[in-house]
mmCIF file of all heavy atoms, coordinates in Angstrom:
data_MODEL
# 
_entry.id   MODEL 
# 
loop_
_atom_site.group_PDB 
_atom_site.id 
_atom_site.type_symbol 
_atom_site.label_atom_id 
_atom_site.label_alt_id 
_atom_site.label_comp_id 
_atom_site.label_asym_id 
_atom_site.label_entity_id 
_atom_site.label_seq_id 
_atom_site.pdbx_PDB_ins_code 
_atom_site.Cartn_x 
_atom_site.Cartn_y 
_atom_site.Cartn_z 
_atom_site.occupancy 
_atom_site.B_iso_or_equiv 
_atom_site.pdbx_formal_charge 
_atom_site.auth_seq_id 
_atom_site.auth_comp_id 
_atom_site.auth_asym_id 
_atom_site.auth_atom_id 
_atom_site.pdbx_PDB_model_num 
ATOM 1   N N   . ALA A 1 1  ? -22.057 -2.122  11.034 1.00 0.00 ? 1  ALA A N   1 
ATOM 2   C CA  . ALA A 1 1  ? -22.568 -1.692  9.727  1.00 0.00 ? 1  ALA A CA  1 
ATOM 3   C C   . ALA A 1 1  ? -23.941 -2.304  9.476  1.00 0.00 ? 1  ALA A C   1 
ATOM 4   O O   . ALA A 1 1  ? -24.851 -1.629  8.987  1.00 0.00 ? 1  ALA A O   1 
ATOM 5   C CB  . ALA A 1 1  ? -21.591 -2.082  8.623  1.00 0.00 ? 1  ALA A CB  1 
ATOM 6   N N   . ALA A 1 2  ? -24.112 -3.574  9.831  1.00 0.00 ? 2  ALA A N   1 
ATOM 7   C CA  . ALA A 1 2  ? -25.413 -4.231  9.658  1.00 0.00 ? 2  ALA A CA  1 
ATOM 8   C C   . ALA A 1 2  ? -26.475 -3.568  10.525 1.00 0.00 ? 2  ALA A C   1 
ATOM 9   O O   . ALA A 1 2  ? -27.616 -3.375  10.080 1.00 0.00 ? 2  ALA A O   1 
ATOM 10  C CB  . ALA A 1 2  ? -25.295 -5.714  9.987  1.00 0.00 ? 2  ALA A CB  1 
ATOM 11  N N   . ALA A 1 3  ? -26.101 -3.181  11.740 1.00 0.00 ? 3  ALA A N   1 
ATOM 12  C CA  . ALA A 1 3  ? -27.058 -2.516  12.622 1.00 0.00 ? 3  ALA A CA  1 
ATOM 13  C C   . ALA A 1 3  ? -27.485 -1.167  12.047 1.00 0.00 ? 3  ALA A C   1 
ATOM 14  O O   . ALA A 1 3  ? -28.671 -0.815  12.085 1.00 0.00 ? 3  ALA A O   1 
ATOM 15  C CB  . ALA A 1 3  ? -26.453 -2.339  14.018 1.00 0.00 ? 3  ALA A CB  1 
ATOM 16  N N   . TYR A 1 4  ? -26.523 -0.418  11.512 1.00 0.00 ? 4  TYR A N   1 
ATOM 17  C CA  . TYR A 1 4  ? -26.867 0.862   10.880 1.00 0.00 ? 4  TYR A CA  1 
ATOM 18  C C   . TYR A 1 4  ? -27.747 0.647   9.660  1.00 0.00 ? 4  TYR A C   1 
ATOM 19  O O   . TYR A 1 4  ? -28.708 1.390   9.424  1.00 0.00 ? 4  TYR A O   1 
ATOM 20  C CB  . TYR A 1 4  ? -25.608 1.645   10.497 1.00 0.00 ? 4  TYR A CB  1 
ATOM 21  C CG  . TYR A 1 4  ? -25.002 2.404   11.642 1.00 0.00 ? 4  TYR A CG  1 
ATOM 22  C CD1 . TYR A 1 4  ? -23.827 1.965   12.252 1.00 0.00 ? 4  TYR A CD1 1 
ATOM 23  C CD2 . TYR A 1 4  ? -25.596 3.565   12.130 1.00 0.00 ? 4  TYR A CD2 1 
ATOM 24  C CE1 . TYR A 1 4  ? -23.268 2.664   13.316 1.00 0.00 ? 4  TYR A CE1 1 
ATOM 25  C CE2 . TYR A 1 4  ? -25.047 4.270   13.183 1.00 0.00 ? 4  TYR A CE2 1 
ATOM 26  C CZ  . TYR A 1 4  ? -23.885 3.805   13.771 1.00 0.00 ? 4  TYR A CZ  1 
ATOM 27  O OH  . TYR A 1 4  ? -23.341 4.500   14.821 1.00 0.00 ? 4  TYR A OH  1 
ATOM 28  N N   . HIS A 1 5  ? -27.433 -0.369  8.880  1.00 0.00 ? 5  HIS A N   1 
ATOM 29  C CA  . HIS A 1 5  ? -28.255 -0.673  7.699  1.00 0.00 ? 5  HIS A CA  1 
ATOM 30  C C   . HIS A 1 5  ? -29.667 -1.037  8.140  1.00 0.00 ? 5  HIS A C   1 
ATOM 31  O O   . HIS A 1 5  ? -30.654 -0.560  7.566  1.00 0.00 ? 5  HIS A O   1 
ATOM 32  C CB  . HIS A 1 5  ? -27.624 -1.802  6.881  1.00 0.00 ? 5  HIS A CB  1 
ATOM 33  C CG  . HIS A 1 5  ? -28.412 -2.129  5.665  1.00 0.00 ? 5  HIS A CG  1 
ATOM 34  N ND1 . HIS A 1 5  ? -29.227 -3.222  5.590  1.00 0.00 ? 5  HIS A ND1 1 
ATOM 35  C CD2 . HIS A 1 5  ? -28.528 -1.481  4.476  1.00 0.00 ? 5  HIS A CD2 1 
ATOM 36  C CE1 . HIS A 1 5  ? -29.812 -3.254  4.410  1.00 0.00 ? 5  HIS A CE1 1 
ATOM 37  N NE2 . HIS A 1 5  ? -29.403 -2.208  3.718  1.00 0.00 ? 5  HIS A NE2 1 
ATOM 38  N N   . ASP A 1 6  ? -29.784 -1.863  9.168  1.00 0.00 ? 6  ASP A N   1 
ATOM 39  C CA  . ASP A 1 6  ? -31.105 -2.253  9.678  1.00 0.00 ? 6  ASP A CA  1 
ATOM 40  C C   . ASP A 1 6  ? -31.874 -1.053  10.210 1.00 0.00 ? 6  ASP A C   1 
ATOM 41  O O   . ASP A 1 6  ? -33.107 -1.025  10.159 1.00 0.00 ? 6  ASP A O   1 
ATOM 42  C CB  . ASP A 1 6  ? -30.959 -3.302  10.789 1.00 0.00 ? 6  ASP A CB  1 
ATOM 43  C CG  . ASP A 1 6  ? -30.458 -4.642  10.262 1.00 0.00 ? 6  ASP A CG  1 
ATOM 44  O OD1 . ASP A 1 6  ? -30.495 -4.864  9.026  1.00 0.00 ? 6  ASP A OD1 1 
ATOM 45  O OD2 . ASP A 1 6  ? -30.012 -5.465  11.092 1.00 0.00 ? 6  ASP A OD2 1 
ATOM 46  N N   . ALA A 1 7  ? -31.141 -0.043  10.693 1.00 0.00 ? 7  ALA A N   1 
ATOM 47  C CA  . ALA A 1 7  ? -31.780 1.172   11.215 1.00 0.00 ? 7  ALA A CA  1 
ATOM 48  C C   . ALA A 1 7  ? -32.148 2.154   10.109 1.00 0.00 ? 7  ALA A C   1 
ATOM 49  O O   . ALA A 1 7  ? -32.735 3.188   10.375 1.00 0.00 ? 7  ALA A O   1 
ATOM 50  C CB  . ALA A 1 7  ? -30.860 1.839   12.230 1.00 0.00 ? 7  ALA A CB  1 
ATOM 51  N N   . GLY A 1 8  ? -31.759 1.825   8.862  1.00 0.00 ? 8  GLY A N   1 
ATOM 52  C CA  . GLY A 1 8  ? -32.169 2.677   7.753  1.00 0.00 ? 8  GLY A CA  1 
ATOM 53  C C   . GLY A 1 8  ? -31.057 3.301   6.940  1.00 0.00 ? 8  GLY A C   1 
ATOM 54  O O   . GLY A 1 8  ? -31.335 4.016   5.973  1.00 0.00 ? 8  GLY A O   1 
ATOM 55  N N   . ALA A 1 9  ? -29.807 3.057   7.283  1.00 0.00 ? 9  ALA A N   1 
ATOM 56  C CA  . ALA A 1 9  ? -28.711 3.635   6.496  1.00 0.00 ? 9  ALA A CA  1 
ATOM 57  C C   . ALA A 1 9  ? -28.694 3.011   5.104  1.00 0.00 ? 9  ALA A C   1 
ATOM 58  O O   . ALA A 1 9  ? -28.816 1.795   4.955  1.00 0.00 ? 9  ALA A O   1 
ATOM 59  C CB  . ALA A 1 9  ? -27.380 3.383   7.192  1.00 0.00 ? 9  ALA A CB  1 
ATOM 60  N N   . ASP A 1 10 ? -28.561 3.847   4.100  1.00 0.00 ? 10 ASP A N   1 
ATOM 61  C CA  . ASP A 1 10 ? -28.487 3.361   2.721  1.00 0.00 ? 10 ASP A CA  1 
ATOM 62  C C   . ASP A 1 10 ? -27.097 2.862   2.363  1.00 0.00 ? 10 ASP A C   1 
ATOM 63  O O   . ASP A 1 10 ? -26.942 1.987   1.524  1.00 0.00 ? 10 ASP A O   1 
ATOM 64  C CB  . ASP A 1 10 ? -28.867 4.483   1.739  1.00 0.00 ? 10 ASP A CB  1 
ATOM 65  C CG  . ASP A 1 10 ? -30.309 4.904   1.891  1.00 0.00 ? 10 ASP A CG  1 
ATOM 66  O OD1 . ASP A 1 10 ? -31.164 4.033   2.133  1.00 0.00 ? 10 ASP A OD1 1 
ATOM 67  O OD2 . ASP A 1 10 ? -30.586 6.117   1.777  1.00 0.00 ? 10 ASP A OD2 1 
ATOM 68  N N   . VAL A 1 11 ? -26.073 3.472   2.977  1.00 0.00 ? 11 VAL A N   1 
ATOM 69  C CA  . VAL A 1 11 ? -24.678 3.160   2.701  1.00 0.00 ? 11 VAL A CA  1 
ATOM 70  C C   . VAL A 1 11 ? -23.961 3.095   4.041  1.00 0.00 ? 11 VAL A C   1 
ATOM 71  O O   . VAL A 1 11 ? -24.282 3.860   4.943  1.00 0.00 ? 11 VAL A O   1 
ATOM 72  C CB  . VAL A 1 11 ? -24.029 4.269   1.829  1.00 0.00 ? 11 VAL A CB  1 
ATOM 73  C CG1 . VAL A 1 11 ? -22.562 4.003   1.592  1.00 0.00 ? 11 VAL A CG1 1 
ATOM 74  C CG2 . VAL A 1 11 ? -24.766 4.424   0.514  1.00 0.00 ? 11 VAL A CG2 1 
ATOM 75  N N   . THR A 1 12 ? -22.988 2.187   4.157  1.00 0.00 ? 12 THR A N   1 
ATOM 76  C CA  . THR A 1 12 ? -22.199 2.153   5.387  1.00 0.00 ? 12 THR A CA  1 
ATOM 77  C C   . THR A 1 12 ? -20.715 2.211   5.071  1.00 0.00 ? 12 THR A C   1 
ATOM 78  O O   . THR A 1 12 ? -20.291 1.990   3.938  1.00 0.00 ? 12 THR A O   1 
ATOM 79  C CB  . THR A 1 12 ? -22.514 0.905   6.248  1.00 0.00 ? 12 THR A CB  1 
ATOM 80  O OG1 . THR A 1 12 ? -22.333 -0.272  5.481  1.00 0.00 ? 12 THR A OG1 1 
ATOM 81  C CG2 . THR A 1 12 ? -23.929 0.955   6.793  1.00 0.00 ? 12 THR A CG2 1 
ATOM 82  N N   . PHE A 1 13 ? -19.951 2.540   6.097  1.00 0.00 ? 13 PHE A N   1 
ATOM 83  C CA  . PHE A 1 13 ? -18.505 2.715   5.994  1.00 0.00 ? 13 PHE A CA  1 
ATOM 84  C C   . PHE A 1 13 ? -17.872 2.002   7.170  1.00 0.00 ? 13 PHE A C   1 
ATOM 85  O O   . PHE A 1 13 ? -18.193 2.300   8.322  1.00 0.00 ? 13 PHE A O   1 
ATOM 86  C CB  . PHE A 1 13 ? -18.176 4.213   6.020  1.00 0.00 ? 13 PHE A CB  1 
ATOM 87  C CG  . PHE A 1 13 ? -16.734 4.521   6.266  1.00 0.00 ? 13 PHE A CG  1 
ATOM 88  C CD1 . PHE A 1 13 ? -15.782 4.295   5.287  1.00 0.00 ? 13 PHE A CD1 1 
ATOM 89  C CD2 . PHE A 1 13 ? -16.323 5.049   7.478  1.00 0.00 ? 13 PHE A CD2 1 
ATOM 90  C CE1 . PHE A 1 13 ? -14.446 4.587   5.519  1.00 0.00 ? 13 PHE A CE1 1 
ATOM 91  C CE2 . PHE A 1 13 ? -14.993 5.348   7.719  1.00 0.00 ? 13 PHE A CE2 1 
ATOM 92  C CZ  . PHE A 1 13 ? -14.055 5.105   6.737  1.00 0.00 ? 13 PHE A CZ  1 
ATOM 93  N N   . ILE A 1 14 ? -17.008 1.059   6.894  1.00 0.00 ? 14 ILE A N   1 
ATOM 94  C CA  . ILE A 1 14 ? -16.287 0.340   7.940  1.00 0.00 ? 14 ILE A CA  1 
ATOM 95  C C   . ILE A 1 14 ? -14.865 0.887   7.965  1.00 0.00 ? 14 ILE A C   1 
ATOM 96  O O   . ILE A 1 14 ? -14.137 0.807   6.975  1.00 0.00 ? 14 ILE A O   1 
ATOM 97  C CB  . ILE A 1 14 ? -16.324 -1.178  7.688  1.00 0.00 ? 14 ILE A CB  1 
ATOM 98  C CG1 . ILE A 1 14 ? -17.783 -1.653  7.763  1.00 0.00 ? 14 ILE A CG1 1 
ATOM 99  C CG2 . ILE A 1 14 ? -15.435 -1.904  8.688  1.00 0.00 ? 14 ILE A CG2 1 
ATOM 100 C CD1 . ILE A 1 14 ? -17.995 -3.093  7.407  1.00 0.00 ? 14 ILE A CD1 1 
ATOM 101 N N   . GLU A 1 15 ? -14.488 1.422   9.102  1.00 0.00 ? 15 GLU A N   1 
ATOM 102 C CA  . GLU A 1 15 ? -13.215 2.125   9.247  1.00 0.00 ? 15 GLU A CA  1 
ATOM 103 C C   . GLU A 1 15 ? -12.014 1.191   9.193  1.00 0.00 ? 15 GLU A C   1 
ATOM 104 O O   . GLU A 1 15 ? -11.970 0.177   9.879  1.00 0.00 ? 15 GLU A O   1 
ATOM 105 C CB  . GLU A 1 15 ? -13.215 2.872   10.595 1.00 0.00 ? 15 GLU A CB  1 
ATOM 106 C CG  . GLU A 1 15 ? -11.927 3.599   10.922 1.00 0.00 ? 15 GLU A CG  1 
ATOM 107 C CD  . GLU A 1 15 ? -11.705 4.831   10.084 1.00 0.00 ? 15 GLU A CD  1 
ATOM 108 O OE1 . GLU A 1 15 ? -12.681 5.486   9.702  1.00 0.00 ? 15 GLU A OE1 1 
ATOM 109 O OE2 . GLU A 1 15 ? -10.530 5.141   9.800  1.00 0.00 ? 15 GLU A OE2 1 
ATOM 110 N N   . ALA A 1 16 ? -11.051 1.540   8.370  1.00 0.00 ? 16 ALA A N   1 
ATOM 111 C CA  . ALA A 1 16 ? -9.691  1.000   8.345  1.00 0.00 ? 16 ALA A CA  1 
ATOM 112 C C   . ALA A 1 16 ? -9.559  -0.519  8.279  1.00 0.00 ? 16 ALA A C   1 
ATOM 113 O O   . ALA A 1 16 ? -8.884  -1.113  9.111  1.00 0.00 ? 16 ALA A O   1 
ATOM 114 C CB  . ALA A 1 16 ? -8.896  1.549   9.519  1.00 0.00 ? 16 ALA A CB  1 
ATOM 115 N N   . PRO A 1 17 ? -10.165 -1.160  7.262  1.00 0.00 ? 17 PRO A N   1 
ATOM 116 C CA  . PRO A 1 17 ? -9.832  -2.579  7.093  1.00 0.00 ? 17 PRO A CA  1 
ATOM 117 C C   . PRO A 1 17 ? -8.334  -2.699  6.832  1.00 0.00 ? 17 PRO A C   1 
ATOM 118 O O   . PRO A 1 17 ? -7.746  -1.853  6.162  1.00 0.00 ? 17 PRO A O   1 
ATOM 119 C CB  . PRO A 1 17 ? -10.665 -3.012  5.885  1.00 0.00 ? 17 PRO A CB  1 
ATOM 120 C CG  . PRO A 1 17 ? -11.029 -1.759  5.181  1.00 0.00 ? 17 PRO A CG  1 
ATOM 121 C CD  . PRO A 1 17 ? -11.041 -0.674  6.206  1.00 0.00 ? 17 PRO A CD  1 
ATOM 122 N N   . GLN A 1 18 ? -7.721  -3.733  7.378  1.00 0.00 ? 18 GLN A N   1 
ATOM 123 C CA  . GLN A 1 18 ? -6.264  -3.826  7.327  1.00 0.00 ? 18 GLN A CA  1 
ATOM 124 C C   . GLN A 1 18 ? -5.735  -4.922  6.418  1.00 0.00 ? 18 GLN A C   1 
ATOM 125 O O   . GLN A 1 18 ? -4.516  -5.036  6.246  1.00 0.00 ? 18 GLN A O   1 
ATOM 126 C CB  . GLN A 1 18 ? -5.721  -3.995  8.740  1.00 0.00 ? 18 GLN A CB  1 
ATOM 127 C CG  . GLN A 1 18 ? -6.041  -2.792  9.598  1.00 0.00 ? 18 GLN A CG  1 
ATOM 128 C CD  . GLN A 1 18 ? -5.522  -2.920  11.016 1.00 0.00 ? 18 GLN A CD  1 
ATOM 129 O OE1 . GLN A 1 18 ? -4.569  -3.634  11.284 1.00 0.00 ? 18 GLN A OE1 1 
ATOM 130 N NE2 . GLN A 1 18 ? -6.153  -2.216  11.926 1.00 0.00 ? 18 GLN A NE2 1 
ATOM 131 N N   . THR A 1 19 ? -6.620  -5.735  5.854  1.00 0.00 ? 19 THR A N   1 
ATOM 132 C CA  . THR A 1 19 ? -6.165  -6.792  4.960  1.00 0.00 ? 19 THR A CA  1 
ATOM 133 C C   . THR A 1 19 ? -7.025  -6.811  3.703  1.00 0.00 ? 19 THR A C   1 
ATOM 134 O O   . THR A 1 19 ? -8.166  -6.319  3.705  1.00 0.00 ? 19 THR A O   1 
ATOM 135 C CB  . THR A 1 19 ? -6.250  -8.184  5.624  1.00 0.00 ? 19 THR A CB  1 
ATOM 136 O OG1 . THR A 1 19 ? -7.631  -8.512  5.834  1.00 0.00 ? 19 THR A OG1 1 
ATOM 137 C CG2 . THR A 1 19 ? -5.477  -8.226  6.942  1.00 0.00 ? 19 THR A CG2 1 
ATOM 138 N N   . GLN A 1 20 ? -6.493  -7.394  2.656  1.00 0.00 ? 20 GLN A N   1 
ATOM 139 C CA  . GLN A 1 20 ? -7.271  -7.548  1.429  1.00 0.00 ? 20 GLN A CA  1 
ATOM 140 C C   . GLN A 1 20 ? -8.495  -8.415  1.681  1.00 0.00 ? 20 GLN A C   1 
ATOM 141 O O   . GLN A 1 20 ? -9.571  -8.152  1.131  1.00 0.00 ? 20 GLN A O   1 
ATOM 142 C CB  . GLN A 1 20 ? -6.400  -8.126  0.323  1.00 0.00 ? 20 GLN A CB  1 
ATOM 143 C CG  . GLN A 1 20 ? -5.316  -7.179  -0.132 1.00 0.00 ? 20 GLN A CG  1 
ATOM 144 C CD  . GLN A 1 20 ? -4.482  -7.735  -1.274 1.00 0.00 ? 20 GLN A CD  1 
ATOM 145 O OE1 . GLN A 1 20 ? -4.632  -8.878  -1.686 1.00 0.00 ? 20 GLN A OE1 1 
ATOM 146 N NE2 . GLN A 1 20 ? -3.590  -6.907  -1.794 1.00 0.00 ? 20 GLN A NE2 1 
ATOM 147 N N   . GLU A 1 21 ? -8.350  -9.414  2.534  1.00 0.00 ? 21 GLU A N   1 
ATOM 148 C CA  . GLU A 1 21 ? -9.477  -10.300 2.846  1.00 0.00 ? 21 GLU A CA  1 
ATOM 149 C C   . GLU A 1 21 ? -10.610 -9.541  3.530  1.00 0.00 ? 21 GLU A C   1 
ATOM 150 O O   . GLU A 1 21 ? -11.791 -9.770  3.234  1.00 0.00 ? 21 GLU A O   1 
ATOM 151 C CB  . GLU A 1 21 ? -9.001  -11.469 3.732  1.00 0.00 ? 21 GLU A CB  1 
ATOM 152 C CG  . GLU A 1 21 ? -8.043  -12.430 3.052  1.00 0.00 ? 21 GLU A CG  1 
ATOM 153 C CD  . GLU A 1 21 ? -6.600  -11.915 2.940  1.00 0.00 ? 21 GLU A CD  1 
ATOM 154 O OE1 . GLU A 1 21 ? -6.220  -10.980 3.685  1.00 0.00 ? 21 GLU A OE1 1 
ATOM 155 O OE2 . GLU A 1 21 ? -5.866  -12.435 2.087  1.00 0.00 ? 21 GLU A OE2 1 
ATOM 156 N N   . GLN A 1 22 ? -10.272 -8.625  4.423  1.00 0.00 ? 22 GLN A N   1 
ATOM 157 C CA  . GLN A 1 22 ? -11.300 -7.808  5.074  1.00 0.00 ? 22 GLN A CA  1 
ATOM 158 C C   . GLN A 1 22 ? -12.021 -6.937  4.054  1.00 0.00 ? 22 GLN A C   1 
ATOM 159 O O   . GLN A 1 22 ? -13.242 -6.784  4.110  1.00 0.00 ? 22 GLN A O   1 
ATOM 160 C CB  . GLN A 1 22 ? -10.678 -6.947  6.173  1.00 0.00 ? 22 GLN A CB  1 
ATOM 161 C CG  . GLN A 1 22 ? -10.231 -7.717  7.384  1.00 0.00 ? 22 GLN A CG  1 
ATOM 162 C CD  . GLN A 1 22 ? -9.471  -6.850  8.389  1.00 0.00 ? 22 GLN A CD  1 
ATOM 163 O OE1 . GLN A 1 22 ? -8.940  -5.790  8.039  1.00 0.00 ? 22 GLN A OE1 1 
ATOM 164 N NE2 . GLN A 1 22 ? -9.429  -7.300  9.634  1.00 0.00 ? 22 GLN A NE2 1 
ATOM 165 N N   . ILE A 1 23 ? -11.274 -6.365  3.127  1.00 0.00 ? 23 ILE A N   1 
ATOM 166 C CA  . ILE A 1 23 ? -11.881 -5.516  2.095  1.00 0.00 ? 23 ILE A CA  1 
ATOM 167 C C   . ILE A 1 23 ? -12.839 -6.334  1.240  1.00 0.00 ? 23 ILE A C   1 
ATOM 168 O O   . ILE A 1 23 ? -13.964 -5.898  0.953  1.00 0.00 ? 23 ILE A O   1 
ATOM 169 C CB  . ILE A 1 23 ? -10.788 -4.842  1.239  1.00 0.00 ? 23 ILE A CB  1 
ATOM 170 C CG1 . ILE A 1 23 ? -10.009 -3.844  2.098  1.00 0.00 ? 23 ILE A CG1 1 
ATOM 171 C CG2 . ILE A 1 23 ? -11.396 -4.153  0.020  1.00 0.00 ? 23 ILE A CG2 1 
ATOM 172 C CD1 . ILE A 1 23 ? -8.759  -3.302  1.445  1.00 0.00 ? 23 ILE A CD1 1 
ATOM 173 N N   . VAL A 1 24 ? -12.433 -7.523  0.848  1.00 0.00 ? 24 VAL A N   1 
ATOM 174 C CA  . VAL A 1 24 ? -13.300 -8.395  0.050  1.00 0.00 ? 24 VAL A CA  1 
ATOM 175 C C   . VAL A 1 24 ? -14.573 -8.725  0.822  1.00 0.00 ? 24 VAL A C   1 
ATOM 176 O O   . VAL A 1 24 ? -15.685 -8.658  0.277  1.00 0.00 ? 24 VAL A O   1 
ATOM 177 C CB  . VAL A 1 24 ? -12.547 -9.680  -0.375 1.00 0.00 ? 24 VAL A CB  1 
ATOM 178 C CG1 . VAL A 1 24 ? -13.499 -10.698 -0.971 1.00 0.00 ? 24 VAL A CG1 1 
ATOM 179 C CG2 . VAL A 1 24 ? -11.430 -9.333  -1.365 1.00 0.00 ? 24 VAL A CG2 1 
ATOM 180 N N   . ALA A 1 25 ? -14.446 -9.043  2.102  1.00 0.00 ? 25 ALA A N   1 
ATOM 181 C CA  . ALA A 1 25 ? -15.613 -9.380  2.920  1.00 0.00 ? 25 ALA A CA  1 
ATOM 182 C C   . ALA A 1 25 ? -16.570 -8.198  3.050  1.00 0.00 ? 25 ALA A C   1 
ATOM 183 O O   . ALA A 1 25 ? -17.791 -8.363  2.952  1.00 0.00 ? 25 ALA A O   1 
ATOM 184 C CB  . ALA A 1 25 ? -15.159 -9.863  4.300  1.00 0.00 ? 25 ALA A CB  1 
ATOM 185 N N   . ILE A 1 26 ? -16.029 -7.014  3.251  1.00 0.00 ? 26 ILE A N   1 
ATOM 186 C CA  . ILE A 1 26 ? -16.871 -5.813  3.367  1.00 0.00 ? 26 ILE A CA  1 
ATOM 187 C C   . ILE A 1 26 ? -17.622 -5.580  2.058  1.00 0.00 ? 26 ILE A C   1 
ATOM 188 O O   . ILE A 1 26 ? -18.807 -5.275  2.052  1.00 0.00 ? 26 ILE A O   1 
ATOM 189 C CB  . ILE A 1 26 ? -16.018 -4.581  3.748  1.00 0.00 ? 26 ILE A CB  1 
ATOM 190 C CG1 . ILE A 1 26 ? -15.474 -4.743  5.161  1.00 0.00 ? 26 ILE A CG1 1 
ATOM 191 C CG2 . ILE A 1 26 ? -16.831 -3.289  3.625  1.00 0.00 ? 26 ILE A CG2 1 
ATOM 192 C CD1 . ILE A 1 26 ? -14.357 -3.767  5.511  1.00 0.00 ? 26 ILE A CD1 1 
ATOM 193 N N   . GLY A 1 27 ? -16.931 -5.734  0.944  1.00 0.00 ? 27 GLY A N   1 
ATOM 194 C CA  . GLY A 1 27 ? -17.556 -5.531  -0.359 1.00 0.00 ? 27 GLY A CA  1 
ATOM 195 C C   . GLY A 1 27 ? -18.690 -6.496  -0.643 1.00 0.00 ? 27 GLY A C   1 
ATOM 196 O O   . GLY A 1 27 ? -19.552 -6.222  -1.473 1.00 0.00 ? 27 GLY A O   1 
# 
């Protein structure tokens, strides 16, 4: 996601986080 953002993506999507902690980190 960081690489896509660095390449110019305005928004990114990380597929299938499996824990609440992962969701918090992505946010």
